[in-house]
Amino acid sequence: MPEGPSVRKFQLLTSRFVGQVVTKVGGSSRKINVNDLNGLRLQDSQVHGKNLFLAFVAADCPLGPSAEETVLQRDAASGASSPAHVCAPEAHPQEEELQELQHSRADVPDAAGGLGNWLRFHFGLFGSIRANEFSRANKANKRGDWKDPIPRLTLHFESGGFLVFYNCRMHWCSSPMADPASDILSAEFHRGQALDALHAPNPICYTLLDQRYFSGLGNIIKNEVLYLAKIHPLTQGSLLALSDLEHLLDCAIRFSSDWLQSKLHGKGLHPQIYQKEQCPLGHAVMKGTLGPSGGFKRLTWWCPQCQPAVLSGGGDPTAVT
């Protein structure tokens, strides 16, 4: 599924249409009634980790401040905690699919109710957003048919432009409350919190995918930064020196930021280890499906020579290959 840099780019595409009224809708979504969006104004667009949030209000509602500012002002004035239907980030990455099903709601936005009507988008494999164009088939499917992808949602705006959403799940919520301290691409990302998480006695590749501490960091970033930092994916964080953890964190932040900039300039990603048979130094790469017992497991690539297993205090390697 799209990782943080991709969803950030999606947010920039949608931000062009903020302030405009939806004049026509379409799409195959069954999670929401797409017709409920017709006639509403797109008021705000935000991204938190791997999730995109769009706020819609009645067309005659003044644009005013962003919905985020309004929600923060309201909460500060009332001293209230998060609303009942807040869209919170996933607690554990391996539970992501289950949580999406549990949290999906078919609520209808109250156009007369003003601010706070947020539509959350979570993208699946090959999920994407296109502005003013539709995705076209570039190869035949398994049946040999050349069929264009079917949009999950299409929004046409008063300017004549339109947005097309593919392979995503949507549901309504009252506010996209999320902790920017955990967002790997946020200026408010909390290094100390992330370092504490990395230092836990868990395989480092599990921790990197924990969205509570590394929101937006996905499997591609995980593989690449572990190779850049020369750390075996199953190394327990508690066995690594603080300097090694800080270097890994620097790699994660820099790689995510560089990937975003490449996307914004229309450049592709050139991975060093992800889905490779050899590392840049010519060593054979190993591949395995790694994840916590009973949890979600992801394909992982590593070079045993560049990323050697770390020995525990008892002399046993922490990594199992």
C-alpha atoms as a PDB file:
ATOM      1  CA  MET A   1       0.000   0.000   0.000  1.00  0.00           C
ATOM      2  CA  PRO A   2       1.162   3.606  -0.522  1.00  0.00           C
ATOM      3  CA  GLU A   3       3.547   4.825   2.174  1.00  0.00           C
ATOM      4  CA  GLY A   4       3.859   8.246   3.740  1.00  0.00           C
ATOM      5  CA  PRO A   5       5.644  10.000   0.824  1.00  0.00           C
ATOM      6  CA  SER A   6       2.987   8.827  -1.655  1.00  0.00           C
ATOM      7  CA  VAL A   7       0.076   9.937   0.535  1.00  0.00           C
ATOM      8  CA  ARG A   8       1.763  13.329   1.015  1.00  0.00           C
ATOM      9  CA  LYS A   9       1.774  13.716  -2.752  1.00  0.00           C
ATOM     10  CA  PHE A  10      -1.917  12.730  -2.866  1.00  0.00           C
ATOM     11  CA  GLN A  11      -2.641  15.464  -0.330  1.00  0.00           C
ATOM     12  CA  LEU A  12      -0.965  18.059  -2.532  1.00  0.00           C
ATOM     13  CA  LEU A  13      -3.137  16.979  -5.463  1.00  0.00           C
ATOM     14  CA  THR A  14      -6.335  17.377  -3.440  1.00  0.00           C
ATOM     15  CA  SER A  15      -5.281  20.708  -1.886  1.00  0.00           C
ATOM     16  CA  ARG A  16      -5.674  22.394  -5.285  1.00  0.00           C
ATOM     17  CA  PHE A  17      -9.426  21.906  -4.994  1.00  0.00           C
ATOM     18  CA  VAL A  18      -9.885  23.205  -1.441  1.00  0.00           C
ATOM     19  CA  GLY A  19     -12.618  25.847  -1.412  1.00  0.00           C
ATOM     20  CA  GLN A  20     -14.445  24.439  -4.432  1.00  0.00           C
ATOM     21  CA  VAL A  21     -17.925  22.893  -4.522  1.00  0.00           C
ATOM     22  CA  VAL A  22     -18.516  19.325  -5.717  1.00  0.00           C
ATOM     23  CA  THR A  23     -20.838  19.460  -8.742  1.00  0.00           C
ATOM     24  CA  LYS A  24     -20.858  15.807  -9.797  1.00  0.00           C
ATOM     25  CA  VAL A  25     -19.895  12.510  -8.172  1.00  0.00           C
ATOM     26  CA  GLY A  26     -19.319   8.921  -9.189  1.00  0.00           C
ATOM     27  CA  GLY A  27     -17.532   5.775  -8.117  1.00  0.00           C
ATOM     28  CA  SER A  28     -18.007   2.188  -7.026  1.00  0.00           C
ATOM     29  CA  SER A  29     -17.633   2.650  -3.258  1.00  0.00           C
ATOM     30  CA  ARG A  30     -20.093   0.734  -1.091  1.00  0.00           C
ATOM     31  CA  LYS A  31     -18.726   2.034   2.217  1.00  0.00           C
ATOM     32  CA  ILE A  32     -20.256   5.466   1.728  1.00  0.00           C
ATOM     33  CA  ASN A  33     -23.056   6.901  -0.381  1.00  0.00           C
ATOM     34  CA  VAL A  34     -21.032   8.919  -2.866  1.00  0.00           C
ATOM     35  CA  ASN A  35     -24.089  11.034  -3.725  1.00  0.00           C
ATOM     36  CA  ASP A  36     -23.947  12.563  -0.229  1.00  0.00           C
ATOM     37  CA  LEU A  37     -20.865  14.507  -1.393  1.00  0.00           C
ATOM     38  CA  ASN A  38     -22.708  16.242  -4.224  1.00  0.00           C
ATOM     39  CA  GLY A  39     -23.138  19.936  -3.534  1.00  0.00           C
ATOM     40  CA  LEU A  40     -20.692  20.051  -0.632  1.00  0.00           C
ATOM     41  CA  ARG A  41     -17.604  22.242  -0.474  1.00  0.00           C
ATOM     42  CA  LEU A  42     -14.151  20.724   0.046  1.00  0.00           C
ATOM     43  CA  GLN A  43     -12.911  22.746   3.008  1.00  0.00           C
ATOM     44  CA  ASP A  44      -9.618  21.164   4.016  1.00  0.00           C
ATOM     45  CA  SER A  45      -7.130  18.426   3.147  1.00  0.00           C
ATOM     46  CA  GLN A  46      -4.722  16.814   5.606  1.00  0.00           C
ATOM     47  CA  VAL A  47      -2.417  13.822   5.741  1.00  0.00           C
ATOM     48  CA  HIS A  48      -1.441  11.793   8.785  1.00  0.00           C
ATOM     49  CA  GLY A  49       0.939   8.910   8.127  1.00  0.00           C
ATOM     50  CA  LYS A  50      -0.661   6.671   5.527  1.00  0.00           C
ATOM     51  CA  ASN A  51      -4.114   8.262   5.827  1.00  0.00           C
ATOM     52  CA  LEU A  52      -5.629  11.154   3.891  1.00  0.00           C
ATOM     53  CA  PHE A  53      -8.438  13.240   5.391  1.00  0.00           C
ATOM     54  CA  LEU A  54     -10.769  15.554   3.456  1.00  0.00           C
ATOM     55  CA  ALA A  55     -13.224  17.896   5.202  1.00  0.00           C
ATOM     56  CA  PHE A  56     -16.535  18.746   3.528  1.00  0.00           C
ATOM     57  CA  VAL A  57     -19.047  21.448   4.505  1.00  0.00           C
ATOM     58  CA  ALA A  58     -22.230  22.921   3.075  1.00  0.00           C
ATOM     59  CA  ALA A  59     -21.649  24.975  -0.062  1.00  0.00           C
ATOM     60  CA  ASP A  60     -22.974  28.138   1.588  1.00  0.00           C
ATOM     61  CA  CYS A  61     -20.688  27.739   4.600  1.00  0.00           C
ATOM     62  CA  PRO A  62     -17.922  30.389   4.597  1.00  0.00           C
ATOM     63  CA  LEU A  63     -14.481  28.903   4.055  1.00  0.00           C
ATOM     64  CA  GLY A  64     -12.947  30.691   7.038  1.00  0.00           C
ATOM     65  CA  PRO A  65     -10.099  28.965   8.899  1.00  0.00           C
ATOM     66  CA  SER A  66      -9.115  25.417   8.119  1.00  0.00           C
ATOM     67  CA  ALA A  67     -11.110  22.686   9.798  1.00  0.00           C
ATOM     68  CA  GLU A  68      -7.977  21.642  11.690  1.00  0.00           C
ATOM     69  CA  GLU A  69      -7.675  25.101  13.251  1.00  0.00           C
ATOM     70  CA  THR A  70     -11.359  25.123  14.149  1.00  0.00           C
ATOM     71  CA  VAL A  71     -11.213  21.721  15.824  1.00  0.00           C
ATOM     72  CA  LEU A  72      -8.126  22.706  17.812  1.00  0.00           C
ATOM     73  CA  GLN A  73      -9.739  25.961  18.901  1.00  0.00           C
ATOM     74  CA  ARG A  74     -12.923  24.157  19.934  1.00  0.00           C
ATOM     75  CA  ASP A  75     -11.068  21.529  21.912  1.00  0.00           C
ATOM     76  CA  ALA A  76      -8.851  24.123  23.592  1.00  0.00           C
ATOM     77  CA  ALA A  77     -11.864  26.184  24.614  1.00  0.00           C
ATOM     78  CA  SER A  78     -13.850  23.271  25.988  1.00  0.00           C
ATOM     79  CA  GLY A  79     -10.930  21.289  27.403  1.00  0.00           C
ATOM     80  CA  ALA A  80     -12.610  18.243  25.908  1.00  0.00           C
ATOM     81  CA  SER A  81     -10.836  15.072  24.921  1.00  0.00           C
ATOM     82  CA  SER A  82     -11.004  13.553  21.455  1.00  0.00           C
ATOM     83  CA  PRO A  83     -14.519  13.220  19.995  1.00  0.00           C
ATOM     84  CA  ALA A  84     -16.336   9.904  20.031  1.00  0.00           C
ATOM     85  CA  HIS A  85     -15.790   9.210  16.357  1.00  0.00           C
ATOM     86  CA  VAL A  86     -12.266  10.493  15.981  1.00  0.00           C
ATOM     87  CA  CYS A  87     -10.174   8.843  13.291  1.00  0.00           C
ATOM     88  CA  ALA A  88      -7.259   7.604  15.346  1.00  0.00           C
ATOM     89  CA  PRO A  89      -4.086   6.063  13.908  1.00  0.00           C
ATOM     90  CA  GLU A  90      -3.761   2.293  14.015  1.00  0.00           C
ATOM     91  CA  ALA A  91      -2.308   0.923  17.243  1.00  0.00           C
ATOM     92  CA  HIS A  92      -0.529  -2.026  15.621  1.00  0.00           C
ATOM     93  CA  PRO A  93       0.364  -2.371  11.941  1.00  0.00           C
ATOM     94  CA  GLN A  94      -0.546  -6.064  11.877  1.00  0.00           C
ATOM     95  CA  GLU A  95      -4.105  -5.214  12.921  1.00  0.00           C
ATOM     96  CA  GLU A  96      -4.547  -2.606  10.217  1.00  0.00           C
ATOM     97  CA  GLU A  97      -6.896  -4.578   7.990  1.00  0.00           C
ATOM     98  CA  LEU A  98      -9.105  -5.669  10.907  1.00  0.00           C
ATOM     99  CA  GLN A  99      -9.318  -2.146  12.280  1.00  0.00           C
ATOM    100  CA  GLU A 100     -10.286  -0.773   8.885  1.00  0.00           C
ATOM    101  CA  LEU A 101     -13.252  -3.137   8.781  1.00  0.00           C
ATOM    102  CA  GLN A 102     -14.265  -2.382  12.360  1.00  0.00           C
ATOM    103  CA  HIS A 103     -14.022   1.379  11.952  1.00  0.00           C
ATOM    104  CA  SER A 104     -15.635   1.675   8.520  1.00  0.00           C
ATOM    105  CA  ARG A 105     -18.905   3.533   8.882  1.00  0.00           C
ATOM    106  CA  ALA A 106     -21.647   4.506   6.462  1.00  0.00           C
ATOM    107  CA  ASP A 107     -22.439   7.777   8.241  1.00  0.00           C
ATOM    108  CA  VAL A 108     -23.895  10.604   6.181  1.00  0.00           C
ATOM    109  CA  PRO A 109     -22.313  14.025   6.639  1.00  0.00           C
ATOM    110  CA  ASP A 110     -24.547  16.679   8.150  1.00  0.00           C
ATOM    111  CA  ALA A 111     -24.129  19.441   5.612  1.00  0.00           C
ATOM    112  CA  ALA A 112     -25.940  21.863   7.895  1.00  0.00           C
ATOM    113  CA  GLY A 113     -23.796  20.948  10.859  1.00  0.00           C
ATOM    114  CA  GLY A 114     -20.778  22.974   9.761  1.00  0.00           C
ATOM    115  CA  LEU A 115     -17.257  21.810  10.364  1.00  0.00           C
ATOM    116  CA  GLY A 116     -15.971  18.430  11.407  1.00  0.00           C
ATOM    117  CA  ASN A 117     -17.266  16.226   8.594  1.00  0.00           C
ATOM    118  CA  TRP A 118     -14.090  14.447   7.593  1.00  0.00           C
ATOM    119  CA  LEU A 119     -13.778  11.644   5.073  1.00  0.00           C
ATOM    120  CA  ARG A 120     -10.861   9.338   5.787  1.00  0.00           C
ATOM    121  CA  PHE A 121      -9.061   7.550   2.934  1.00  0.00           C
ATOM    122  CA  HIS A 122      -6.843   4.522   3.478  1.00  0.00           C
ATOM    123  CA  PHE A 123      -5.233   3.191   0.316  1.00  0.00           C
ATOM    124  CA  GLY A 124      -4.754  -0.450  -0.597  1.00  0.00           C
ATOM    125  CA  LEU A 125      -2.201  -2.032  -2.918  1.00  0.00           C
ATOM    126  CA  PHE A 126      -1.727   0.230  -5.963  1.00  0.00           C
ATOM    127  CA  GLY A 127      -4.129   2.758  -4.436  1.00  0.00           C
ATOM    128  CA  SER A 128      -3.773   6.231  -5.895  1.00  0.00           C
ATOM    129  CA  ILE A 129      -5.321   9.617  -6.647  1.00  0.00           C
ATOM    130  CA  ARG A 130      -5.301  11.306 -10.034  1.00  0.00           C
ATOM    131  CA  ALA A 131      -6.185  14.905 -10.800  1.00  0.00           C
ATOM    132  CA  ASN A 132      -7.957  15.747 -14.079  1.00  0.00           C
ATOM    133  CA  GLU A 133      -7.216  12.359 -15.606  1.00  0.00           C
ATOM    134  CA  PHE A 134      -8.256   8.730 -15.288  1.00  0.00           C
ATOM    135  CA  SER A 135      -5.955   5.761 -14.871  1.00  0.00           C
ATOM    136  CA  ARG A 136      -5.627   3.622 -17.976  1.00  0.00           C
ATOM    137  CA  ALA A 137      -4.738  -0.054 -18.263  1.00  0.00           C
ATOM    138  CA  ASN A 138      -1.105  -0.555 -19.225  1.00  0.00           C
ATOM    139  CA  LYS A 139      -1.375  -4.322 -19.557  1.00  0.00           C
ATOM    140  CA  ALA A 140      -3.951  -7.070 -19.823  1.00  0.00           C
ATOM    141  CA  ASN A 141      -5.432  -8.621 -16.696  1.00  0.00           C
ATOM    142  CA  LYS A 142      -5.313 -12.342 -15.858  1.00  0.00           C
ATOM    143  CA  ARG A 143      -8.229 -12.970 -18.202  1.00  0.00           C
ATOM    144  CA  GLY A 144      -6.440 -11.252 -21.033  1.00  0.00           C
ATOM    145  CA  ASP A 145      -8.779  -8.241 -20.971  1.00  0.00           C
ATOM    146  CA  TRP A 146      -7.576  -4.656 -21.249  1.00  0.00           C
ATOM    147  CA  LYS A 147      -9.840  -3.010 -18.702  1.00  0.00           C
ATOM    148  CA  ASP A 148      -9.200   0.356 -17.121  1.00  0.00           C
ATOM    149  CA  PRO A 149      -9.178   0.443 -13.300  1.00  0.00           C
ATOM    150  CA  ILE A 150     -12.562   1.278 -11.772  1.00  0.00           C
ATOM    151  CA  PRO A 151     -12.520   4.427  -9.602  1.00  0.00           C
ATOM    152  CA  ARG A 152     -13.695   4.026  -6.022  1.00  0.00           C
ATOM    153  CA  LEU A 153     -14.694   7.706  -6.008  1.00  0.00           C
ATOM    154  CA  THR A 154     -14.788  10.533  -8.549  1.00  0.00           C
ATOM    155  CA  LEU A 155     -15.339  14.168  -7.550  1.00  0.00           C
ATOM    156  CA  HIS A 156     -16.016  16.850 -10.182  1.00  0.00           C
ATOM    157  CA  PHE A 157     -15.661  20.462  -9.056  1.00  0.00           C
ATOM    158  CA  GLU A 158     -17.104  23.799 -10.138  1.00  0.00           C
ATOM    159  CA  SER A 159     -13.831  24.789 -11.800  1.00  0.00           C
ATOM    160  CA  GLY A 160     -14.206  21.917 -14.256  1.00  0.00           C
ATOM    161  CA  GLY A 161     -11.404  19.897 -12.671  1.00  0.00           C
ATOM    162  CA  PHE A 162     -11.857  16.527 -10.999  1.00  0.00           C
ATOM    163  CA  LEU A 163     -10.232  14.066  -8.619  1.00  0.00           C
ATOM    164  CA  VAL A 164     -10.257  10.281  -9.060  1.00  0.00           C
ATOM    165  CA  PHE A 165      -9.585   7.886  -6.159  1.00  0.00           C
ATOM    166  CA  TYR A 166      -8.523   4.275  -6.781  1.00  0.00           C
ATOM    167  CA  ASN A 167      -8.361   1.229  -4.499  1.00  0.00           C
ATOM    168  CA  CYS A 168      -9.079   2.959  -1.208  1.00  0.00           C
ATOM    169  CA  ARG A 169     -11.415   2.550   1.733  1.00  0.00           C
ATOM    170  CA  MET A 170     -13.372   5.504   3.036  1.00  0.00           C
ATOM    171  CA  HIS A 171     -15.395   6.323   6.114  1.00  0.00           C
ATOM    172  CA  TRP A 172     -16.722   9.408   7.838  1.00  0.00           C
ATOM    173  CA  CYS A 173     -15.358  10.657  11.141  1.00  0.00           C
ATOM    174  CA  SER A 174     -15.597  13.792  13.214  1.00  0.00           C
ATOM    175  CA  SER A 175     -11.930  14.762  13.219  1.00  0.00           C
ATOM    176  CA  PRO A 176      -8.587  13.451  11.913  1.00  0.00           C
ATOM    177  CA  MET A 177      -6.981  13.668  15.325  1.00  0.00           C
ATOM    178  CA  ALA A 178      -3.524  12.162  15.062  1.00  0.00           C
ATOM    179  CA  ASP A 179      -0.225  12.602  16.813  1.00  0.00           C
ATOM    180  CA  PRO A 180       2.176  14.479  14.502  1.00  0.00           C
ATOM    181  CA  ALA A 181       4.997  13.432  16.831  1.00  0.00           C
ATOM    182  CA  SER A 182       4.778   9.947  15.315  1.00  0.00           C
ATOM    183  CA  ASP A 183       4.626  11.066  11.660  1.00  0.00           C
ATOM    184  CA  ILE A 184       8.003  10.377  10.056  1.00  0.00           C
ATOM    185  CA  LEU A 185       7.512  13.289   7.626  1.00  0.00           C
ATOM    186  CA  SER A 186       6.175  15.800  10.132  1.00  0.00           C
ATOM    187  CA  ALA A 187       8.228  18.721  11.409  1.00  0.00           C
ATOM    188  CA  GLU A 188       6.917  17.740  14.847  1.00  0.00           C
ATOM    189  CA  PHE A 189       8.262  14.179  14.672  1.00  0.00           C
ATOM    190  CA  HIS A 190       9.543  13.224  18.152  1.00  0.00           C
ATOM    191  CA  ARG A 191      13.005  11.675  17.902  1.00  0.00           C
ATOM    192  CA  GLY A 192      13.176  10.788  21.582  1.00  0.00           C
ATOM    193  CA  GLN A 193       9.914   8.846  21.449  1.00  0.00           C
ATOM    194  CA  ALA A 194      11.079   7.025  18.320  1.00  0.00           C
ATOM    195  CA  LEU A 195      14.456   6.147  19.846  1.00  0.00           C
ATOM    196  CA  ASP A 196      12.781   4.744  22.963  1.00  0.00           C
ATOM    197  CA  ALA A 197      10.631   2.527  20.735  1.00  0.00           C
ATOM    198  CA  LEU A 198      13.629   1.339  18.712  1.00  0.00           C
ATOM    199  CA  HIS A 199      15.529   0.447  21.893  1.00  0.00           C
ATOM    200  CA  ALA A 200      12.859  -2.079  22.973  1.00  0.00           C
ATOM    201  CA  PRO A 201      13.876  -5.782  23.072  1.00  0.00           C
ATOM    202  CA  ASN A 202      11.985  -6.526  19.853  1.00  0.00           C
ATOM    203  CA  PRO A 203      13.226  -7.245  16.329  1.00  0.00           C
ATOM    204  CA  ILE A 204      14.000  -3.880  14.813  1.00  0.00           C
ATOM    205  CA  CYS A 205      11.999  -4.599  11.647  1.00  0.00           C
ATOM    206  CA  TYR A 206       8.828  -5.052  13.729  1.00  0.00           C
ATOM    207  CA  THR A 207       9.298  -1.740  15.521  1.00  0.00           C
ATOM    208  CA  LEU A 208       9.874   0.243  12.336  1.00  0.00           C
ATOM    209  CA  LEU A 209       6.414  -0.745  11.073  1.00  0.00           C
ATOM    210  CA  ASP A 210       4.672   0.194  14.326  1.00  0.00           C
ATOM    211  CA  GLN A 211       2.515   3.144  13.275  1.00  0.00           C
ATOM    212  CA  ARG A 212       2.288   4.382  16.870  1.00  0.00           C
ATOM    213  CA  TYR A 213       5.883   5.572  16.562  1.00  0.00           C
ATOM    214  CA  PHE A 214       6.583   5.613  12.821  1.00  0.00           C
ATOM    215  CA  SER A 215       3.367   6.693  11.135  1.00  0.00           C
ATOM    216  CA  GLY A 216       3.779   6.611   7.359  1.00  0.00           C
ATOM    217  CA  LEU A 217       6.776   4.280   7.402  1.00  0.00           C
ATOM    218  CA  GLY A 218       6.020   1.200   5.322  1.00  0.00           C
ATOM    219  CA  ASN A 219       7.678  -1.940   4.054  1.00  0.00           C
ATOM    220  CA  ILE A 220       9.763  -0.307   1.328  1.00  0.00           C
ATOM    221  CA  ILE A 221      11.195   2.297   3.685  1.00  0.00           C
ATOM    222  CA  LYS A 222      11.800  -0.396   6.320  1.00  0.00           C
ATOM    223  CA  ASN A 223      13.869  -2.546   3.979  1.00  0.00           C
ATOM    224  CA  GLU A 224      15.854   0.321   2.529  1.00  0.00           C
ATOM    225  CA  VAL A 225      16.790   2.049   5.791  1.00  0.00           C
ATOM    226  CA  LEU A 226      17.839  -1.191   7.468  1.00  0.00           C
ATOM    227  CA  TYR A 227      20.218  -1.803   4.587  1.00  0.00           C
ATOM    228  CA  LEU A 228      21.500   1.770   4.662  1.00  0.00           C
ATOM    229  CA  ALA A 229      22.141   1.461   8.408  1.00  0.00           C
ATOM    230  CA  LYS A 230      23.707  -2.029   7.951  1.00  0.00           C
ATOM    231  CA  ILE A 231      21.360  -3.597  10.538  1.00  0.00           C
ATOM    232  CA  HIS A 232      19.924  -7.095  10.251  1.00  0.00           C
ATOM    233  CA  PRO A 233      16.102  -6.887  10.302  1.00  0.00           C
ATOM    234  CA  LEU A 234      15.731  -9.355  13.202  1.00  0.00           C
ATOM    235  CA  THR A 235      18.261  -7.654  15.453  1.00  0.00           C
ATOM    236  CA  GLN A 236      16.739  -6.767  18.824  1.00  0.00           C
ATOM    237  CA  GLY A 237      16.812  -3.041  19.357  1.00  0.00           C
ATOM    238  CA  SER A 238      18.002  -3.426  22.934  1.00  0.00           C
ATOM    239  CA  LEU A 239      21.284  -4.949  21.677  1.00  0.00           C
ATOM    240  CA  LEU A 240      22.177  -1.942  19.525  1.00  0.00           C
ATOM    241  CA  ALA A 241      24.194   1.036  20.677  1.00  0.00           C
ATOM    242  CA  LEU A 242      22.413   4.375  20.910  1.00  0.00           C
ATOM    243  CA  SER A 243      24.614   5.687  18.095  1.00  0.00           C
ATOM    244  CA  ASP A 244      23.425   2.837  15.846  1.00  0.00           C
ATOM    245  CA  LEU A 245      19.779   3.597  16.644  1.00  0.00           C
ATOM    246  CA  GLU A 246      20.303   7.295  15.986  1.00  0.00           C
ATOM    247  CA  HIS A 247      21.931   6.480  12.644  1.00  0.00           C
ATOM    248  CA  LEU A 248      18.999   4.231  11.733  1.00  0.00           C
ATOM    249  CA  LEU A 249      16.548   6.986  12.644  1.00  0.00           C
ATOM    250  CA  ASP A 250      18.510   9.503  10.574  1.00  0.00           C
ATOM    251  CA  CYS A 251      18.368   7.098   7.623  1.00  0.00           C
ATOM    252  CA  ALA A 252      14.593   6.682   8.013  1.00  0.00           C
ATOM    253  CA  ILE A 253      13.934  10.427   8.120  1.00  0.00           C
ATOM    254  CA  ARG A 254      16.310  11.248   5.273  1.00  0.00           C
ATOM    255  CA  PHE A 255      15.126   8.408   3.012  1.00  0.00           C
ATOM    256  CA  SER A 256      11.447   9.312   3.551  1.00  0.00           C
ATOM    257  CA  SER A 257      12.097  12.982   2.833  1.00  0.00           C
ATOM    258  CA  ASP A 258      14.222  12.245  -0.243  1.00  0.00           C
ATOM    259  CA  TRP A 259      11.577   9.858  -1.582  1.00  0.00           C
ATOM    260  CA  LEU A 260       8.924  12.546  -1.181  1.00  0.00           C
ATOM    261  CA  GLN A 261      11.048  15.094  -3.037  1.00  0.00           C
ATOM    262  CA  SER A 262      11.654  12.579  -5.834  1.00  0.00           C
ATOM    263  CA  LYS A 263       7.915  12.012  -6.168  1.00  0.00           C
ATOM    264  CA  LEU A 264       7.217  15.736  -6.284  1.00  0.00           C
ATOM    265  CA  HIS A 265       9.744  16.073  -9.128  1.00  0.00           C
ATOM    266  CA  GLY A 266       8.326  13.108 -11.047  1.00  0.00           C
ATOM    267  CA  LYS A 267      11.287  10.845 -10.388  1.00  0.00           C
ATOM    268  CA  GLY A 268      11.035   7.149  -9.596  1.00  0.00           C
ATOM    269  CA  LEU A 269      12.450   5.228  -6.653  1.00  0.00           C
ATOM    270  CA  HIS A 270      15.699   3.291  -7.156  1.00  0.00           C
ATOM    271  CA  PRO A 271      15.845   0.831  -4.229  1.00  0.00           C
ATOM    272  CA  GLN A 272      19.113  -0.735  -3.172  1.00  0.00           C
ATOM    273  CA  ILE A 273      17.761  -3.846  -1.445  1.00  0.00           C
ATOM    274  CA  TYR A 274      13.964  -3.979  -1.809  1.00  0.00           C
ATOM    275  CA  GLN A 275      13.009  -6.790  -4.240  1.00  0.00           C
ATOM    276  CA  LYS A 276      16.646  -7.195  -5.281  1.00  0.00           C
ATOM    277  CA  GLU A 277      18.615 -10.406  -5.800  1.00  0.00           C
ATOM    278  CA  GLN A 278      21.950  -8.716  -5.103  1.00  0.00           C
ATOM    279  CA  CYS A 279      22.947  -5.777  -2.938  1.00  0.00           C
ATOM    280  CA  PRO A 280      24.870  -2.848  -4.490  1.00  0.00           C
ATOM    281  CA  LEU A 281      28.133  -4.588  -3.523  1.00  0.00           C
ATOM    282  CA  GLY A 282      27.198  -7.731  -5.451  1.00  0.00           C
ATOM    283  CA  HIS A 283      26.349  -9.947  -2.463  1.00  0.00           C
ATOM    284  CA  ALA A 284      23.444 -12.396  -2.652  1.00  0.00           C
ATOM    285  CA  VAL A 285      20.336 -11.047  -0.928  1.00  0.00           C
ATOM    286  CA  MET A 286      18.137 -13.145   1.344  1.00  0.00           C
ATOM    287  CA  LYS A 287      14.365 -12.893   1.394  1.00  0.00           C
ATOM    288  CA  GLY A 288      11.941 -13.876   4.138  1.00  0.00           C
ATOM    289  CA  THR A 289       8.467 -13.184   5.483  1.00  0.00           C
ATOM    290  CA  LEU A 290       9.039 -11.629   8.897  1.00  0.00           C
ATOM    291  CA  GLY A 291       6.645 -10.485  11.566  1.00  0.00           C
ATOM    292  CA  PRO A 292       5.541 -11.112  15.155  1.00  0.00           C
ATOM    293  CA  SER A 293       4.058 -14.480  16.046  1.00  0.00           C
ATOM    294  CA  GLY A 294       0.355 -14.407  15.296  1.00  0.00           C
ATOM    295  CA  GLY A 295       0.690 -10.968  13.732  1.00  0.00           C
ATOM    296  CA  PHE A 296       0.991  -9.401  10.307  1.00  0.00           C
ATOM    297  CA  LYS A 297       4.112 -10.502   8.387  1.00  0.00           C
ATOM    298  CA  ARG A 298       5.847  -8.636   5.579  1.00  0.00           C
ATOM    299  CA  LEU A 299       8.340  -9.618   2.902  1.00  0.00           C
ATOM    300  CA  THR A 300      11.833  -8.569   3.911  1.00  0.00           C
ATOM    301  CA  TRP A 301      15.095  -8.450   1.976  1.00  0.00           C
ATOM    302  CA  TRP A 302      18.546  -8.202   3.565  1.00  0.00           C
ATOM    303  CA  CYS A 303      22.198  -8.863   2.800  1.00  0.00           C
ATOM    304  CA  PRO A 304      23.776 -11.272   5.324  1.00  0.00           C
ATOM    305  CA  GLN A 305      27.216  -9.800   4.635  1.00  0.00           C
ATOM    306  CA  CYS A 306      26.321  -6.120   4.819  1.00  0.00           C
ATOM    307  CA  GLN A 307      23.751  -6.672   7.588  1.00  0.00           C
ATOM    308  CA  PRO A 308      25.234  -9.356   9.856  1.00  0.00           C
ATOM    309  CA  ALA A 309      23.298 -10.893  12.729  1.00  0.00           C
ATOM    310  CA  VAL A 310      24.080  -9.391  16.134  1.00  0.00           C
ATOM    311  CA  LEU A 311      25.128 -11.783  18.921  1.00  0.00           C
ATOM    312  CA  SER A 312      23.197 -11.670  22.163  1.00  0.00           C
ATOM    313  CA  GLY A 313      24.894 -11.797  25.566  1.00  0.00           C
ATOM    314  CA  GLY A 314      24.832 -15.582  25.450  1.00  0.00           C
ATOM    315  CA  GLY A 315      26.651 -15.678  22.139  1.00  0.00           C
ATOM    316  CA  ASP A 316      23.572 -16.651  20.133  1.00  0.00           C
ATOM    317  CA  PRO A 317      22.612 -14.650  17.061  1.00  0.00           C
ATOM    318  CA  THR A 318      19.410 -12.701  17.548  1.00  0.00           C
ATOM    319  CA  ALA A 319      18.541 -13.049  13.882  1.00  0.00           C
ATOM    320  CA  VAL A 320      17.208 -16.251  12.436  1.00  0.00           C
ATOM    321  CA  THR A 321      17.801 -16.670   8.722  1.00  0.00           C
END
